[in-house]
């Protein structure tokens, strides 16, 4: 018996490949004989075929027979597969047996022969590595601060089994850290490994991260070129900045300083650099902060300029820069811009601030751009100077009606939104008669006017008060008026004024009102009593004379 490996006379064969045996049967005569050949393969060899010219063969039993084998030689060819899991260095001994019968004996004759194969191995492992998204599609870019998934596929293209353990070594590049395994193994022939890794938020924009993986096993691999593969991703930076702007509402007063506090937060996923805040301070607020000022830890004012050089009402543009990077989840130190409230700010102004960073571009916009702008409405209380004057119009005389004019004027600098209350507490000797003005109320001797809408700047109103003049007002009377408003008043305000007027005595026998009526009744009664007494006296005197 001889073995051949496709023309190679050496009986050395890698596991997983075919081997061919040639069995030569010779009949040296002198007669023909019935022959039977069996070639039962040893463990490690798997039969493929057995055949020979003139022979009747059965693959299943790995045997051949021939009736009347002639003198001379014949051959049988056996093809077998070296099983792929046979270890390197294994010697496989194949024994073939020939038996025949002739007249020399009642028992069959038998002859055997062997051939030995020395087994080698060659696994040819292949590794393919790709970066994928959550849906399994290939990707070529990833975002700093987010995870990236890598898929590693291993296949054995060789003839022999790869002796375990089969090892995959994945060298993550700098800036990438392992998170967890993901996915499932596919089949034993093609295992798939998926793993998630985190890209550091500080990895720079445009960096290329190359991940290299290598597969190996205990089995020789004649083709090492496909044992290693790489997956490269280009890093993009994306951020989610938010800005808030606040002020102390109780600190708003015309003429006073008003600081605004701005806070910037980065919700990631990437680190934010070159953070810049642009604050559009409206007309009516004067910026008192100066360029170069430190306006908070690590904040510096870059510039202060008119928002529009041709429009003084456009406001002032303040630009501030943050010196540090802003990590995901981090809030920068507060930025404080100080202003002074001017009269032009009345009654409300809106301060608007925007934030941006180097990472925010047209290609990679902020993830939630709506909160890149903050509007802070400032309600500015009025500051007014109400001035009241009170004048007595015409002569005042007991028993008659006197007239006062009350003038209320707002000298500003802003409107007084009101309500403005004018109160006149009438002194003794004066009582309310009438007023043609709307909104007047009388409670005893107290007369009140209420101007619900207040007074606009430089607006005045004249109120008229008519009073009845009694005896107590003689010979002069002083009447004061008081103005009150919830609006802050300047030092120029005059909220109290009075008018002193001389009062003439009542005309002789003048009748005015109830006092005159009672005087007439009293005089009539006095005259009646006097007349009765005089009549009684006359009658008594006449009676005495008659006697």
Foldseek 3Di string as FASTA:
>chain_A
DAKDDVPHRAQEEAAQAKIKDKDKDADQDPFFWKKKKAWDFDPQKAWDDKDWVQWDDDSVRRMIIHGRHDGGMTMMMTMIHRHQADAAQDKTKIKMKMWIDDPVDPDIDMDMDIDIHGYAHAFAKFKDKFKADPVRHGDAADEALAKIKMKIKMATPTSHDFADPKDKDKDWFPQKAWDAWDDAFDDPRIGMTMTMIHGHLAPDAFDKTKMKMFIDGPHHHPDRVRRMDIYIHTYAFAKAKFKEKDWDLVQFAAFDKTKIKMKMAIQTSHKFAFKKKKKFAFPQWAWPDDAQDDQWVQKGWHDKAQPDPVDSGRGIIIMITGRDIHHRGGMDTIGMTMIHGHPVCPAKDKMKMFMDTPSADPVHHHPDRVRRMYIYMHGHFFEWAKAKEKEWDDAAAAQAKTKMKIKIWIQGVFFAQDFKKKKWQADPQKAFDDWPDPQWDDDGRIIMHTRNRGGGHGDMDMTMTMIHGHPVCPQKDKIKMFMDTPGHYDPNHHGMYIYMHGYHYDDVLDDHPPVSVVVVVVVVVVVVVVVVVVVVVVVVVVVVVVD
